[in-house]
Amino acid sequence: MGAPFVTPYALWADTEVSALSTADHLLLTIATELALPEGTFGCTHLIRGDRPRVALSFTVPSESLLRTAEEQLRRQGYEVTPGVPDLVGRAVVYPGADSLNGTLTVGELVARSAIDRVTVLGAPGQPPAEQTLVTRSHVRPQWHGGDELVLAAMPAVGGTLVPFEVPDPTPCCADH
């Protein structure tokens, strides 16, 4: 069900945000403000260099929607660039994302969303379609090469899987 997120109708906004959780919240807020329709992808991208930060990309289904999104983002003070900053965006908004809550099988997850496949850290191949996955309501797949949306998962209690990325990570050195 996945589709490439690199299309003529893509743009990205530079931000001053450095934390993924803050970028997720900002991306979801902007997507709501823009009233983005089904078929939209909203991704985060790590920008390295002198000023490390998280950029946001949006891939929309039409040129008119792209122009509207660009105008609104510029009005909000964002520097907007056509295309996407790289081919490995981390998807936050994508078709079916809202339906990935609770416990699902890998087959249900793939059937309900734009995610193309699931991989399990440290395991060869893909998990069986009937393998259970506990989403924790936080499913952040990543683009591979711009045309395949892949969720990294890891083994969990009771033979289930969970997404590799946790919803509320403990900051480094939190106990110091």
N, C-alpha and C. Protein backbone atom coordinates (compact mmCIF):
# COMPACT_ATOMS: atom_id res chain seq x y z
N MET A 1 0.82 -1.20 0.00
CA MET A 1 0.00 0.00 0.00
C MET A 1 0.86 1.25 0.00
N GLY A 2 2.14 1.11 0.32
CA GLY A 2 3.02 2.26 0.37
C GLY A 2 3.19 2.91 -0.99
N ALA A 3 3.60 4.14 -0.99
CA ALA A 3 3.85 4.88 -2.22
C ALA A 3 5.10 5.71 -1.99
N PRO A 4 5.84 6.01 -3.03
CA PRO A 4 7.04 6.81 -2.83
C PRO A 4 6.70 8.17 -2.22
N PHE A 5 7.53 8.63 -1.31
CA PHE A 5 7.27 9.96 -0.78
C PHE A 5 8.04 11.02 -1.53
N VAL A 6 8.83 10.62 -2.52
CA VAL A 6 9.53 11.57 -3.37
C VAL A 6 8.70 11.72 -4.64
N THR A 7 7.92 12.77 -4.69
CA THR A 7 7.07 13.07 -5.84
C THR A 7 7.24 14.54 -6.18
N PRO A 8 6.63 14.99 -7.26
CA PRO A 8 6.72 16.43 -7.57
C PRO A 8 6.00 17.29 -6.53
N TYR A 9 5.20 16.66 -5.68
CA TYR A 9 4.40 17.42 -4.71
C TYR A 9 4.96 17.28 -3.30
N ALA A 10 6.25 17.49 -3.17
CA ALA A 10 6.90 17.39 -1.86
C ALA A 10 7.63 18.68 -1.54
N LEU A 11 7.68 19.01 -0.26
CA LEU A 11 8.44 20.16 0.21
C LEU A 11 8.91 19.87 1.62
N TRP A 12 9.92 20.62 2.03
CA TRP A 12 10.37 20.47 3.40
C TRP A 12 10.59 21.82 4.04
N ALA A 13 10.38 21.83 5.36
CA ALA A 13 10.51 23.05 6.14
C ALA A 13 11.65 22.88 7.13
N ASP A 14 12.51 23.88 7.15
CA ASP A 14 13.61 23.88 8.11
C ASP A 14 13.07 24.35 9.46
N THR A 15 13.58 23.77 10.52
CA THR A 15 13.13 24.16 11.86
C THR A 15 14.35 24.39 12.75
N GLU A 16 14.09 24.88 13.95
CA GLU A 16 15.13 25.02 14.97
C GLU A 16 15.01 23.91 16.00
N VAL A 17 14.13 22.95 15.75
CA VAL A 17 13.85 21.87 16.68
C VAL A 17 14.99 20.85 16.66
N SER A 18 15.39 20.37 17.84
CA SER A 18 16.47 19.38 17.89
C SER A 18 16.01 18.02 18.43
N ALA A 19 14.85 17.94 19.06
CA ALA A 19 14.36 16.68 19.62
C ALA A 19 13.27 16.08 18.73
N LEU A 20 13.36 14.77 18.49
CA LEU A 20 12.36 14.11 17.65
C LEU A 20 10.95 14.23 18.22
N SER A 21 10.79 14.12 19.53
CA SER A 21 9.45 14.21 20.11
C SER A 21 8.85 15.59 19.88
N THR A 22 9.66 16.63 19.98
CA THR A 22 9.20 17.99 19.71
C THR A 22 8.87 18.14 18.23
N ALA A 23 9.70 17.56 17.37
CA ALA A 23 9.45 17.62 15.92
C ALA A 23 8.16 16.88 15.57
N ASP A 24 7.93 15.72 16.21
CA ASP A 24 6.67 14.99 15.98
C ASP A 24 5.47 15.86 16.31
N HIS A 25 5.53 16.49 17.47
CA HIS A 25 4.41 17.34 17.91
C HIS A 25 4.21 18.50 16.93
N LEU A 26 5.29 19.14 16.51
CA LEU A 26 5.21 20.25 15.56
C LEU A 26 4.64 19.77 14.23
N LEU A 27 5.12 18.64 13.73
CA LEU A 27 4.64 18.10 12.46
C LEU A 27 3.14 17.79 12.54
N LEU A 28 2.70 17.17 13.62
CA LEU A 28 1.27 16.84 13.78
C LEU A 28 0.43 18.11 13.88
N THR A 29 0.94 19.12 14.56
CA THR A 29 0.22 20.40 14.67
C THR A 29 0.08 21.06 13.30
N ILE A 30 1.18 21.11 12.55
CA ILE A 30 1.14 21.72 11.21
C ILE A 30 0.21 20.93 10.29
N ALA A 31 0.28 19.60 10.34
CA ALA A 31 -0.60 18.77 9.50
C ALA A 31 -2.07 19.06 9.80
N THR A 32 -2.40 19.23 11.07
CA THR A 32 -3.77 19.54 11.47
C THR A 32 -4.16 20.93 10.96
N GLU A 33 -3.27 21.91 11.15
CA GLU A 33 -3.55 23.28 10.69
C GLU A 33 -3.75 23.33 9.18
N LEU A 34 -2.98 22.53 8.45
CA LEU A 34 -3.09 22.52 6.99
C LEU A 34 -4.25 21.65 6.50
N ALA A 35 -4.88 20.92 7.42
CA ALA A 35 -5.99 20.01 7.08
C ALA A 35 -5.57 19.09 5.93
N LEU A 36 -4.42 18.46 6.10
CA LEU A 36 -3.88 17.58 5.06
C LEU A 36 -4.75 16.35 4.88
N PRO A 37 -5.05 15.99 3.63
CA PRO A 37 -5.95 14.86 3.36
C PRO A 37 -5.25 13.51 3.43
N GLU A 38 -6.04 12.44 3.38
CA GLU A 38 -5.51 11.08 3.28
C GLU A 38 -4.58 11.03 2.07
N GLY A 39 -3.54 10.26 2.17
CA GLY A 39 -2.57 10.18 1.08
C GLY A 39 -1.37 11.08 1.30
N THR A 40 -1.39 11.86 2.39
CA THR A 40 -0.28 12.75 2.71
C THR A 40 0.75 12.01 3.55
N PHE A 41 2.00 12.34 3.34
CA PHE A 41 3.08 11.85 4.18
C PHE A 41 3.73 13.04 4.86
N GLY A 42 3.95 12.95 6.15
CA GLY A 42 4.68 13.95 6.91
C GLY A 42 5.82 13.25 7.62
N CYS A 43 7.05 13.68 7.36
CA CYS A 43 8.22 12.98 7.88
C CYS A 43 9.17 13.93 8.59
N THR A 44 9.96 13.35 9.48
CA THR A 44 11.05 14.08 10.12
C THR A 44 12.36 13.62 9.49
N HIS A 45 13.31 14.53 9.45
CA HIS A 45 14.63 14.25 8.86
C HIS A 45 15.69 14.88 9.75
N LEU A 46 16.69 14.12 10.12
CA LEU A 46 17.79 14.65 10.92
C LEU A 46 18.75 15.40 10.01
N ILE A 47 18.99 16.66 10.34
CA ILE A 47 19.92 17.50 9.59
C ILE A 47 21.17 17.65 10.45
N ARG A 48 22.29 17.25 9.90
CA ARG A 48 23.54 17.31 10.66
C ARG A 48 24.35 18.53 10.21
N GLY A 49 25.51 18.69 10.75
CA GLY A 49 26.38 19.79 10.35
C GLY A 49 26.55 20.80 11.46
N ASP A 50 26.78 22.05 11.07
CA ASP A 50 27.03 23.12 12.03
C ASP A 50 25.85 23.35 12.97
N ARG A 51 24.65 23.12 12.46
CA ARG A 51 23.43 23.41 13.23
C ARG A 51 22.52 22.18 13.19
N PRO A 52 22.82 21.15 13.99
CA PRO A 52 21.99 19.94 13.98
C PRO A 52 20.54 20.28 14.37
N ARG A 53 19.61 19.70 13.63
CA ARG A 53 18.19 19.97 13.86
C ARG A 53 17.36 18.92 13.15
N VAL A 54 16.05 19.04 13.30
CA VAL A 54 15.12 18.14 12.64
C VAL A 54 14.29 18.95 11.65
N ALA A 55 14.33 18.55 10.39
CA ALA A 55 13.50 19.19 9.36
C ALA A 55 12.23 18.37 9.19
N LEU A 56 11.21 19.00 8.65
CA LEU A 56 9.93 18.36 8.40
C LEU A 56 9.66 18.34 6.91
N SER A 57 9.22 17.20 6.38
CA SER A 57 8.83 17.15 4.98
C SER A 57 7.37 16.76 4.87
N PHE A 58 6.74 17.24 3.81
CA PHE A 58 5.35 16.91 3.52
C PHE A 58 5.25 16.52 2.06
N THR A 59 4.63 15.41 1.79
CA THR A 59 4.34 14.97 0.43
C THR A 59 2.83 14.89 0.33
N VAL A 60 2.29 15.68 -0.58
CA VAL A 60 0.84 15.81 -0.70
C VAL A 60 0.37 15.31 -2.07
N PRO A 61 -0.94 15.03 -2.21
CA PRO A 61 -1.41 14.42 -3.45
C PRO A 61 -1.63 15.33 -4.65
N SER A 62 -1.47 16.66 -4.49
CA SER A 62 -1.73 17.53 -5.64
C SER A 62 -0.89 18.80 -5.60
N GLU A 63 -0.75 19.42 -6.77
CA GLU A 63 0.01 20.66 -6.87
C GLU A 63 -0.67 21.80 -6.12
N SER A 64 -1.99 21.87 -6.19
CA SER A 64 -2.69 22.96 -5.50
C SER A 64 -2.51 22.86 -3.99
N LEU A 65 -2.56 21.66 -3.46
CA LEU A 65 -2.34 21.46 -2.04
C LEU A 65 -0.90 21.79 -1.66
N LEU A 66 0.03 21.45 -2.54
CA LEU A 66 1.43 21.79 -2.31
C LEU A 66 1.62 23.30 -2.20
N ARG A 67 1.01 24.04 -3.13
CA ARG A 67 1.12 25.51 -3.09
C ARG A 67 0.51 26.08 -1.81
N THR A 68 -0.64 25.55 -1.41
CA THR A 68 -1.30 26.01 -0.18
C THR A 68 -0.42 25.75 1.03
N ALA A 69 0.14 24.54 1.11
CA ALA A 69 1.01 24.19 2.24
C ALA A 69 2.24 25.09 2.26
N GLU A 70 2.83 25.32 1.10
CA GLU A 70 4.02 26.17 1.04
C GLU A 70 3.71 27.58 1.51
N GLU A 71 2.60 28.16 1.05
CA GLU A 71 2.22 29.51 1.45
C GLU A 71 2.00 29.59 2.96
N GLN A 72 1.29 28.62 3.52
CA GLN A 72 1.01 28.65 4.95
C GLN A 72 2.27 28.48 5.78
N LEU A 73 3.16 27.59 5.35
CA LEU A 73 4.41 27.38 6.08
C LEU A 73 5.28 28.64 6.03
N ARG A 74 5.35 29.28 4.88
CA ARG A 74 6.14 30.52 4.77
C ARG A 74 5.53 31.62 5.65
N ARG A 75 4.20 31.70 5.68
CA ARG A 75 3.53 32.68 6.55
C ARG A 75 3.85 32.44 8.02
N GLN A 76 4.09 31.19 8.37
CA GLN A 76 4.43 30.86 9.76
C GLN A 76 5.92 31.05 10.04
N GLY A 77 6.67 31.50 9.03
CA GLY A 77 8.07 31.83 9.23
C GLY A 77 9.07 30.73 8.91
N TYR A 78 8.62 29.66 8.29
CA TYR A 78 9.53 28.57 7.95
C TYR A 78 10.19 28.81 6.62
N GLU A 79 11.47 28.41 6.52
CA GLU A 79 12.16 28.38 5.24
C GLU A 79 11.71 27.09 4.56
N VAL A 80 11.15 27.20 3.36
CA VAL A 80 10.58 26.05 2.66
C VAL A 80 11.38 25.78 1.39
N THR A 81 11.67 24.51 1.16
CA THR A 81 12.45 24.08 0.00
C THR A 81 11.69 22.98 -0.72
N PRO A 82 11.66 22.99 -2.07
CA PRO A 82 10.99 21.91 -2.79
C PRO A 82 11.69 20.56 -2.56
N GLY A 83 10.92 19.48 -2.64
CA GLY A 83 11.47 18.14 -2.50
C GLY A 83 11.58 17.71 -1.05
N VAL A 84 12.48 16.76 -0.80
CA VAL A 84 12.73 16.27 0.56
C VAL A 84 14.23 16.36 0.81
N PRO A 85 14.64 16.52 2.08
CA PRO A 85 16.07 16.69 2.35
C PRO A 85 16.90 15.42 2.17
N ASP A 86 16.26 14.25 2.27
CA ASP A 86 16.96 12.98 2.06
C ASP A 86 15.93 11.90 1.80
N LEU A 87 16.38 10.69 1.50
CA LEU A 87 15.48 9.60 1.15
C LEU A 87 15.19 8.64 2.31
N VAL A 88 15.48 9.08 3.53
CA VAL A 88 15.27 8.21 4.68
C VAL A 88 14.42 8.87 5.75
N GLY A 89 13.41 9.61 5.34
CA GLY A 89 12.54 10.27 6.30
C GLY A 89 11.86 9.28 7.24
N ARG A 90 11.60 9.73 8.43
CA ARG A 90 10.91 8.97 9.47
C ARG A 90 9.46 9.42 9.44
N ALA A 91 8.56 8.53 9.04
CA ALA A 91 7.16 8.90 8.82
C ALA A 91 6.40 9.04 10.14
N VAL A 92 5.72 10.17 10.28
CA VAL A 92 4.87 10.46 11.42
C VAL A 92 3.41 10.49 10.96
N VAL A 93 3.18 11.13 9.82
CA VAL A 93 1.87 11.18 9.19
C VAL A 93 1.96 10.36 7.91
N TYR A 94 1.08 9.39 7.77
CA TYR A 94 1.08 8.55 6.58
C TYR A 94 -0.27 7.83 6.51
N PRO A 95 -0.67 7.39 5.33
CA PRO A 95 -1.96 6.70 5.21
C PRO A 95 -2.05 5.52 6.17
N GLY A 96 -3.12 5.51 6.96
CA GLY A 96 -3.38 4.43 7.89
C GLY A 96 -2.75 4.60 9.26
N ALA A 97 -1.94 5.60 9.47
CA ALA A 97 -1.25 5.77 10.76
C ALA A 97 -2.22 5.82 11.94
N ASP A 98 -3.35 6.47 11.76
CA ASP A 98 -4.33 6.60 12.85
C ASP A 98 -4.98 5.28 13.24
N SER A 99 -4.88 4.27 12.40
CA SER A 99 -5.52 2.98 12.69
C SER A 99 -4.58 1.98 13.36
N LEU A 100 -3.36 2.41 13.66
CA LEU A 100 -2.36 1.49 14.21
C LEU A 100 -2.25 1.64 15.73
N ASN A 101 -3.31 1.29 16.42
CA ASN A 101 -3.35 1.38 17.87
C ASN A 101 -3.54 -0.01 18.47
N GLY A 102 -3.02 -0.19 19.66
CA GLY A 102 -3.23 -1.44 20.37
C GLY A 102 -2.36 -2.57 19.84
N THR A 103 -2.93 -3.76 19.85
CA THR A 103 -2.22 -4.96 19.41
C THR A 103 -2.77 -5.41 18.06
N LEU A 104 -1.88 -5.60 17.11
CA LEU A 104 -2.22 -6.01 15.75
C LEU A 104 -1.29 -7.12 15.33
N THR A 105 -1.66 -7.82 14.30
CA THR A 105 -0.70 -8.72 13.68
C THR A 105 0.12 -7.92 12.68
N VAL A 106 1.26 -8.45 12.30
CA VAL A 106 2.09 -7.79 11.28
C VAL A 106 1.28 -7.66 10.00
N GLY A 107 0.52 -8.67 9.65
CA GLY A 107 -0.32 -8.62 8.45
C GLY A 107 -1.35 -7.51 8.50
N GLU A 108 -1.99 -7.33 9.67
CA GLU A 108 -2.97 -6.25 9.82
C GLU A 108 -2.30 -4.89 9.70
N LEU A 109 -1.14 -4.74 10.31
CA LEU A 109 -0.41 -3.47 10.26
C LEU A 109 -0.10 -3.09 8.82
N VAL A 110 0.40 -4.04 8.04
CA VAL A 110 0.74 -3.77 6.64
C VAL A 110 -0.53 -3.50 5.82
N ALA A 111 -1.60 -4.25 6.06
CA ALA A 111 -2.84 -4.08 5.30
C ALA A 111 -3.53 -2.75 5.61
N ARG A 112 -3.41 -2.26 6.83
CA ARG A 112 -4.12 -1.04 7.25
C ARG A 112 -3.37 0.25 6.94
N SER A 113 -2.11 0.15 6.56
CA SER A 113 -1.31 1.37 6.46
C SER A 113 -0.41 1.37 5.22
N ALA A 114 0.32 2.45 5.07
CA ALA A 114 1.26 2.59 3.95
C ALA A 114 2.57 1.86 4.22
N ILE A 115 2.70 1.22 5.37
CA ILE A 115 3.93 0.49 5.69
C ILE A 115 4.03 -0.72 4.76
N ASP A 116 5.18 -0.85 4.12
CA ASP A 116 5.40 -1.94 3.17
C ASP A 116 5.82 -3.25 3.84
N ARG A 117 6.64 -3.13 4.89
CA ARG A 117 7.09 -4.34 5.57
C ARG A 117 7.61 -4.01 6.95
N VAL A 118 7.79 -5.08 7.74
CA VAL A 118 8.32 -4.99 9.10
C VAL A 118 9.60 -5.81 9.16
N THR A 119 10.61 -5.27 9.81
CA THR A 119 11.83 -6.02 10.07
C THR A 119 12.00 -6.15 11.58
N VAL A 120 12.67 -7.19 12.01
CA VAL A 120 12.92 -7.40 13.43
C VAL A 120 14.42 -7.34 13.66
N LEU A 121 14.83 -6.46 14.56
CA LEU A 121 16.25 -6.30 14.85
C LEU A 121 16.87 -7.64 15.25
N GLY A 122 17.97 -7.97 14.64
CA GLY A 122 18.70 -9.19 14.96
C GLY A 122 18.12 -10.46 14.37
N ALA A 123 17.07 -10.35 13.56
CA ALA A 123 16.45 -11.54 12.97
C ALA A 123 16.51 -11.45 11.46
N PRO A 124 16.79 -12.57 10.80
CA PRO A 124 16.81 -12.55 9.33
C PRO A 124 15.39 -12.54 8.78
N GLY A 125 15.23 -12.00 7.62
CA GLY A 125 13.93 -12.01 6.95
C GLY A 125 12.90 -11.17 7.65
N GLN A 126 11.65 -11.43 7.30
CA GLN A 126 10.53 -10.70 7.87
C GLN A 126 9.75 -11.60 8.82
N PRO A 127 9.09 -11.00 9.81
CA PRO A 127 8.27 -11.82 10.69
C PRO A 127 7.04 -12.33 9.95
N PRO A 128 6.46 -13.44 10.41
CA PRO A 128 5.25 -13.94 9.75
C PRO A 128 4.09 -12.97 9.93
N ALA A 129 3.18 -12.99 8.98
CA ALA A 129 2.02 -12.08 8.99
C ALA A 129 1.19 -12.22 10.26
N GLU A 130 1.17 -13.41 10.87
CA GLU A 130 0.36 -13.62 12.07
C GLU A 130 1.09 -13.23 13.36
N GLN A 131 2.34 -12.79 13.27
CA GLN A 131 3.10 -12.35 14.44
C GLN A 131 2.40 -11.14 15.07
N THR A 132 2.26 -11.14 16.39
CA THR A 132 1.59 -10.05 17.11
C THR A 132 2.56 -8.90 17.37
N LEU A 133 2.06 -7.67 17.18
CA LEU A 133 2.83 -6.47 17.42
C LEU A 133 2.03 -5.54 18.32
N VAL A 134 2.61 -5.10 19.42
CA VAL A 134 1.98 -4.16 20.34
C VAL A 134 2.48 -2.77 19.95
N THR A 135 1.60 -1.92 19.43
CA THR A 135 2.03 -0.65 18.83
C THR A 135 2.41 0.42 19.84
N ARG A 136 1.85 0.37 21.03
CA ARG A 136 2.04 1.44 22.02
C ARG A 136 1.60 2.79 21.45
N SER A 137 0.74 2.73 20.41
CA SER A 137 0.23 3.93 19.73
C SER A 137 1.35 4.85 19.26
N HIS A 138 2.47 4.25 18.87
CA HIS A 138 3.63 5.03 18.42
C HIS A 138 4.36 4.20 17.35
N VAL A 139 3.94 4.38 16.11
CA VAL A 139 4.49 3.60 15.00
C VAL A 139 5.16 4.57 14.03
N ARG A 140 6.50 4.57 14.02
CA ARG A 140 7.27 5.49 13.20
C ARG A 140 8.15 4.72 12.22
N PRO A 141 7.58 4.32 11.09
CA PRO A 141 8.41 3.64 10.08
C PRO A 141 9.35 4.62 9.40
N GLN A 142 10.31 4.10 8.70
CA GLN A 142 11.28 4.94 8.02
C GLN A 142 11.35 4.55 6.54
N TRP A 143 11.53 5.56 5.70
CA TRP A 143 11.69 5.32 4.28
C TRP A 143 13.06 4.72 4.02
N HIS A 144 13.10 3.77 3.12
CA HIS A 144 14.36 3.19 2.65
C HIS A 144 14.44 3.50 1.16
N GLY A 145 15.34 4.40 0.80
CA GLY A 145 15.52 4.76 -0.60
C GLY A 145 14.38 5.57 -1.19
N GLY A 146 13.48 6.05 -0.37
CA GLY A 146 12.39 6.89 -0.84
C GLY A 146 11.21 6.15 -1.41
N ASP A 147 11.27 4.80 -1.48
CA ASP A 147 10.14 4.09 -2.08
C ASP A 147 9.63 2.90 -1.28
N GLU A 148 10.22 2.65 -0.11
CA GLU A 148 9.75 1.54 0.72
C GLU A 148 9.70 2.01 2.17
N LEU A 149 8.51 1.92 2.76
CA LEU A 149 8.30 2.34 4.14
C LEU A 149 8.40 1.11 5.04
N VAL A 150 9.40 1.13 5.94
CA VAL A 150 9.73 -0.06 6.73
C VAL A 150 9.67 0.28 8.22
N LEU A 151 8.99 -0.58 8.97
CA LEU A 151 8.94 -0.44 10.42
C LEU A 151 9.96 -1.39 11.04
N ALA A 152 10.87 -0.84 11.83
CA ALA A 152 11.81 -1.67 12.60
C ALA A 152 11.14 -2.02 13.92
N ALA A 153 11.14 -3.31 14.24
CA ALA A 153 10.54 -3.79 15.48
C ALA A 153 11.57 -4.61 16.25
N MET A 154 11.23 -4.89 17.50
CA MET A 154 12.11 -5.72 18.32
C MET A 154 11.26 -6.68 19.15
N PRO A 155 11.85 -7.81 19.53
CA PRO A 155 11.11 -8.78 20.34
C PRO A 155 10.73 -8.18 21.69
N ALA A 156 9.58 -8.62 22.21
CA ALA A 156 9.10 -8.14 23.50
C ALA A 156 8.55 -9.33 24.31
N VAL A 157 8.04 -9.03 25.46
CA VAL A 157 7.51 -10.04 26.38
C VAL A 157 6.41 -10.87 25.71
N GLY A 158 6.42 -12.15 26.00
CA GLY A 158 5.36 -13.04 25.53
C GLY A 158 5.41 -13.37 24.06
N GLY A 159 6.57 -13.20 23.45
CA GLY A 159 6.69 -13.53 22.03
C GLY A 159 6.11 -12.50 21.09
N THR A 160 5.76 -11.32 21.60
CA THR A 160 5.23 -10.26 20.76
C THR A 160 6.38 -9.41 20.20
N LEU A 161 6.03 -8.49 19.35
CA LEU A 161 6.97 -7.48 18.86
C LEU A 161 6.47 -6.12 19.31
N VAL A 162 7.38 -5.16 19.36
CA VAL A 162 7.04 -3.75 19.59
C VAL A 162 7.87 -2.93 18.61
N PRO A 163 7.37 -1.75 18.22
CA PRO A 163 8.20 -0.88 17.39
C PRO A 163 9.51 -0.57 18.11
N PHE A 164 10.59 -0.50 17.37
CA PHE A 164 11.90 -0.22 17.95
C PHE A 164 11.90 1.13 18.67
N GLU A 165 11.28 2.13 18.08
CA GLU A 165 11.26 3.45 18.69
C GLU A 165 10.19 3.50 19.78
N VAL A 166 10.60 3.91 20.98
CA VAL A 166 9.66 3.99 22.10
C VAL A 166 8.98 5.36 22.11
N PRO A 167 7.73 5.41 22.61
CA PRO A 167 6.99 6.68 22.60
C PRO A 167 7.63 7.78 23.44
N ASP A 168 8.12 7.45 24.62
CA ASP A 168 8.69 8.45 25.52
C ASP A 168 10.08 8.03 25.96
N PRO A 169 11.08 8.24 25.11
CA PRO A 169 12.42 7.78 25.47
C PRO A 169 12.97 8.54 26.68
N THR A 170 13.77 7.86 27.48
CA THR A 170 14.44 8.49 28.60
C THR A 170 15.62 9.28 28.04
N PRO A 171 15.69 10.57 28.37
CA PRO A 171 16.83 11.36 27.87
C PRO A 171 18.15 10.80 28.39
N CYS A 172 19.16 10.96 27.60
CA CYS A 172 20.50 10.52 27.99
C CYS A 172 20.88 11.20 29.31
N CYS A 173 21.44 10.42 30.19
CA CYS A 173 21.94 10.93 31.47
C CYS A 173 20.83 11.49 32.36
N ALA A 174 19.59 10.96 32.24
CA ALA A 174 18.45 11.48 33.00
C ALA A 174 18.63 11.30 34.50
N ASP A 175 19.44 10.33 34.89
CA ASP A 175 19.58 10.08 36.32
C ASP A 175 20.76 10.85 36.94
N HIS A 176 21.37 11.75 36.22
CA HIS A 176 22.52 12.50 36.76
C HIS A 176 22.10 13.84 37.24
